[in-house]
Amino acid sequence: NISNLYITTTYFYSMLMNKNNFDYFKVRGWHKNVRNLFCLEMMIVPFHLNMNHWACAVVRMKDKIIQGFDSNGGTMFTEIVGIIAYLTMYSEEKDVQPFDLAEWKVVLSNKNSIPQQDNGYDCGVFVCMMMYQISMGKPLVLTQENTSAFRHHIGWSLCNGFIGDDMT
């Protein structure tokens, strides 16, 4: 259900980790249209790492899982720690259910279980397709060989104003 999905802007994490210093107060009002993030099914956070690589993290609220997705082999450890710190402060400030990390499963990105790119420039396609497939509950079927088809489908979707259902 897409109404139970929240995708942050790419700027969210950059502001949260303002010059590599955690700053909850820079982003505390960014989710004012969402009553309680913990009531959502899923939150997806895209990252523009070091201004040259795209990756994302997925927070599955109901399942209590935080998972990193990096098509270039990174673990996403630092980014996931930032998301955990954000969720902790969010739960305290909003006075919603406490965020107890002991109840959550943290899954670092692993090149053996996440589709991997073979070059230095397809990370944007990989992260877009991973976010799409995850948000639609579909398996991650992206490979280097089908990035060209996915790139064309992304372009077609943008030109036509919607994402077709055959992007798997």
Protein backbone atom coordinates (compact mmCIF):
# COMPACT_ATOMS: atom_id res chain seq x y z
CA ASN A 1 0.00 0.00 0.00
CA ILE A 2 1.77 3.10 -1.26
CA SER A 3 0.00 5.32 1.32
CA ASN A 4 1.94 3.48 4.04
CA LEU A 5 5.25 4.29 2.37
CA TYR A 6 7.38 7.34 3.07
CA ILE A 7 10.41 8.19 0.96
CA THR A 8 12.60 11.00 2.25
CA THR A 9 14.22 13.47 -0.08
CA THR A 10 17.85 12.91 -0.97
CA TYR A 11 18.61 16.09 0.98
CA PHE A 12 17.21 14.65 4.24
CA TYR A 13 20.25 12.59 5.22
CA SER A 14 22.68 15.32 4.13
CA MET A 15 20.99 17.71 6.53
CA LEU A 16 20.68 15.10 9.30
CA MET A 17 24.40 14.46 9.13
CA ASN A 18 25.32 18.13 8.72
CA LYS A 19 29.04 18.10 7.85
CA ASN A 20 29.34 14.61 9.38
CA ASN A 21 27.81 15.82 12.66
CA PHE A 22 24.42 14.40 13.63
CA ASP A 23 21.89 17.26 13.79
CA TYR A 24 18.34 16.08 14.43
CA PHE A 25 17.08 19.64 14.75
CA LYS A 26 17.92 20.41 11.11
CA VAL A 27 15.30 17.87 9.97
CA ARG A 28 12.89 17.57 12.89
CA GLY A 29 10.01 19.25 11.04
CA TRP A 30 10.49 17.52 7.72
CA HIS A 31 7.83 14.88 8.38
CA LYS A 32 5.05 17.12 9.67
CA ASN A 33 2.64 15.66 7.10
CA VAL A 34 3.16 12.21 8.64
CA ARG A 35 1.39 11.75 11.95
CA ASN A 36 3.71 8.98 13.19
CA LEU A 37 6.52 7.44 11.14
CA PHE A 38 6.30 4.25 13.22
CA CYS A 39 2.74 3.64 11.99
CA LEU A 40 3.94 3.42 8.41
CA GLU A 41 4.76 0.16 6.69
CA MET A 42 8.05 1.43 5.34
CA MET A 43 10.37 4.43 5.15
CA ILE A 44 13.01 4.61 2.43
CA VAL A 45 16.00 6.92 2.76
CA PRO A 46 18.09 7.53 -0.37
CA PHE A 47 21.68 8.68 0.14
CA HIS A 48 24.04 10.62 -2.09
CA LEU A 49 27.29 9.43 -0.55
CA ASN A 50 30.39 11.61 -0.89
CA MET A 51 28.61 13.44 -3.73
CA ASN A 52 29.48 10.59 -6.13
CA HIS A 53 27.48 7.47 -5.23
CA TRP A 54 23.82 6.61 -4.63
CA ALA A 55 22.52 4.05 -2.12
CA CYS A 56 19.51 3.71 0.18
CA ALA A 57 18.27 2.30 3.47
CA VAL A 58 14.87 0.78 4.11
CA VAL A 59 13.16 0.93 7.50
CA ARG A 60 10.37 -1.66 7.75
CA MET A 61 8.43 -0.31 10.71
CA LYS A 62 6.06 -3.23 11.32
CA ASP A 63 8.80 -5.86 10.92
CA LYS A 64 11.31 -3.73 12.87
CA ILE A 65 14.07 -4.13 10.31
CA ILE A 66 16.55 -1.51 9.11
CA GLN A 67 18.47 -2.57 6.01
CA GLY A 68 21.08 -0.94 3.84
CA PHE A 69 21.25 -1.31 0.06
CA ASP A 70 24.47 -0.39 -1.70
CA SER A 71 25.11 -1.67 -5.22
CA ASN A 72 28.82 -0.87 -4.90
CA GLY A 73 29.61 -3.20 -2.01
CA GLY A 74 29.51 -0.78 0.93
CA THR A 75 27.99 -1.89 4.25
CA MET A 76 26.02 1.32 4.92
CA PHE A 77 27.07 1.11 8.59
CA THR A 78 27.51 4.85 9.13
CA GLU A 79 24.25 5.72 7.38
CA ILE A 80 22.28 3.12 9.34
CA VAL A 81 23.73 4.45 12.62
CA GLY A 82 22.47 7.90 11.57
CA ILE A 83 18.99 6.52 10.83
CA ILE A 84 18.93 4.75 14.22
CA ALA A 85 19.90 8.00 15.99
CA TYR A 86 17.20 9.87 14.06
CA LEU A 87 14.49 7.31 14.92
CA THR A 88 15.53 7.37 18.58
CA MET A 89 15.22 11.15 18.84
CA TYR A 90 12.04 11.21 16.73
CA SER A 91 10.33 8.71 19.05
CA GLU A 92 11.38 10.70 22.12
CA GLU A 93 10.31 14.07 20.74
CA LYS A 94 7.00 12.90 19.27
CA ASP A 95 6.22 10.86 22.40
CA VAL A 96 5.31 7.85 20.30
CA GLN A 97 6.28 4.27 21.07
CA PRO A 98 9.88 4.19 22.27
CA PHE A 99 12.50 3.14 19.77
CA ASP A 100 14.31 0.24 21.42
CA LEU A 101 17.11 -0.96 19.15
CA ALA A 102 17.18 -4.32 20.97
CA GLU A 103 13.78 -5.06 19.36
CA TRP A 104 15.03 -4.28 15.85
CA LYS A 105 17.06 -6.25 13.34
CA VAL A 106 19.78 -4.29 11.55
CA VAL A 107 20.94 -5.69 8.22
CA LEU A 108 24.04 -4.11 6.74
CA SER A 109 24.36 -4.02 2.98
CA ASN A 110 26.10 -7.14 1.74
CA LYS A 111 27.44 -7.54 -1.77
CA ASN A 112 26.42 -11.21 -1.72
CA SER A 113 22.73 -10.42 -1.16
CA ILE A 114 22.30 -7.01 -2.85
CA PRO A 115 22.44 -6.60 -6.65
CA GLN A 116 25.86 -5.20 -7.56
CA GLN A 117 26.88 -2.87 -10.38
CA ASP A 118 29.93 -3.68 -12.47
CA ASN A 119 30.93 -0.09 -13.20
CA GLY A 120 31.24 3.30 -11.53
CA TYR A 121 28.21 5.03 -13.05
CA ASP A 122 25.05 2.89 -12.76
CA CYS A 123 24.45 3.41 -9.03
CA GLY A 124 21.60 5.84 -9.73
CA VAL A 125 19.75 3.28 -11.84
CA PHE A 126 20.43 0.58 -9.25
CA VAL A 127 19.13 2.64 -6.34
CA CYS A 128 16.02 3.80 -8.24
CA MET A 129 15.20 0.25 -9.23
CA MET A 130 15.92 -1.17 -5.78
CA MET A 131 13.68 1.47 -4.16
CA TYR A 132 10.93 0.71 -6.70
CA GLN A 133 11.13 -3.07 -6.34
CA ILE A 134 11.31 -2.92 -2.52
CA SER A 135 8.41 -0.46 -2.25
CA MET A 136 6.27 -2.68 -4.49
CA GLY A 137 7.14 -5.81 -2.52
CA LYS A 138 8.92 -7.33 -5.50
CA PRO A 139 12.14 -9.32 -5.49
CA LEU A 140 15.38 -7.52 -6.35
CA VAL A 141 16.00 -8.74 -9.89
CA LEU A 142 18.31 -5.98 -11.07
CA THR A 143 21.54 -7.01 -12.78
CA GLN A 144 24.16 -5.08 -14.70
CA GLU A 145 22.82 -6.65 -17.90
CA ASN A 146 19.33 -5.19 -17.52
CA THR A 147 20.26 -1.66 -16.38
CA SER A 148 19.86 -0.29 -19.90
CA ALA A 149 16.26 -1.57 -20.06
CA PHE A 150 15.56 -0.15 -16.59
CA ARG A 151 17.11 3.19 -17.57
CA HIS A 152 14.78 3.39 -20.58
CA HIS A 153 11.79 2.41 -18.47
CA ILE A 154 12.62 5.10 -15.90
CA GLY A 155 12.81 7.67 -18.72
CA TRP A 156 9.53 6.45 -20.23
CA SER A 157 7.85 6.62 -16.80
CA LEU A 158 9.04 10.18 -16.23
CA CYS A 159 7.81 11.28 -19.66
CA ASN A 160 4.42 9.61 -19.17
CA GLY A 161 3.85 10.68 -15.58
CA PHE A 162 3.61 7.24 -13.98
CA ILE A 163 5.63 4.12 -13.35
CA GLY A 164 4.49 1.11 -15.32
CA ASP A 165 4.10 -2.18 -13.50
CA ASP A 166 6.51 -4.18 -15.63
CA MET A 167 9.77 -2.96 -14.08
CA THR A 168 10.86 -6.32 -12.68
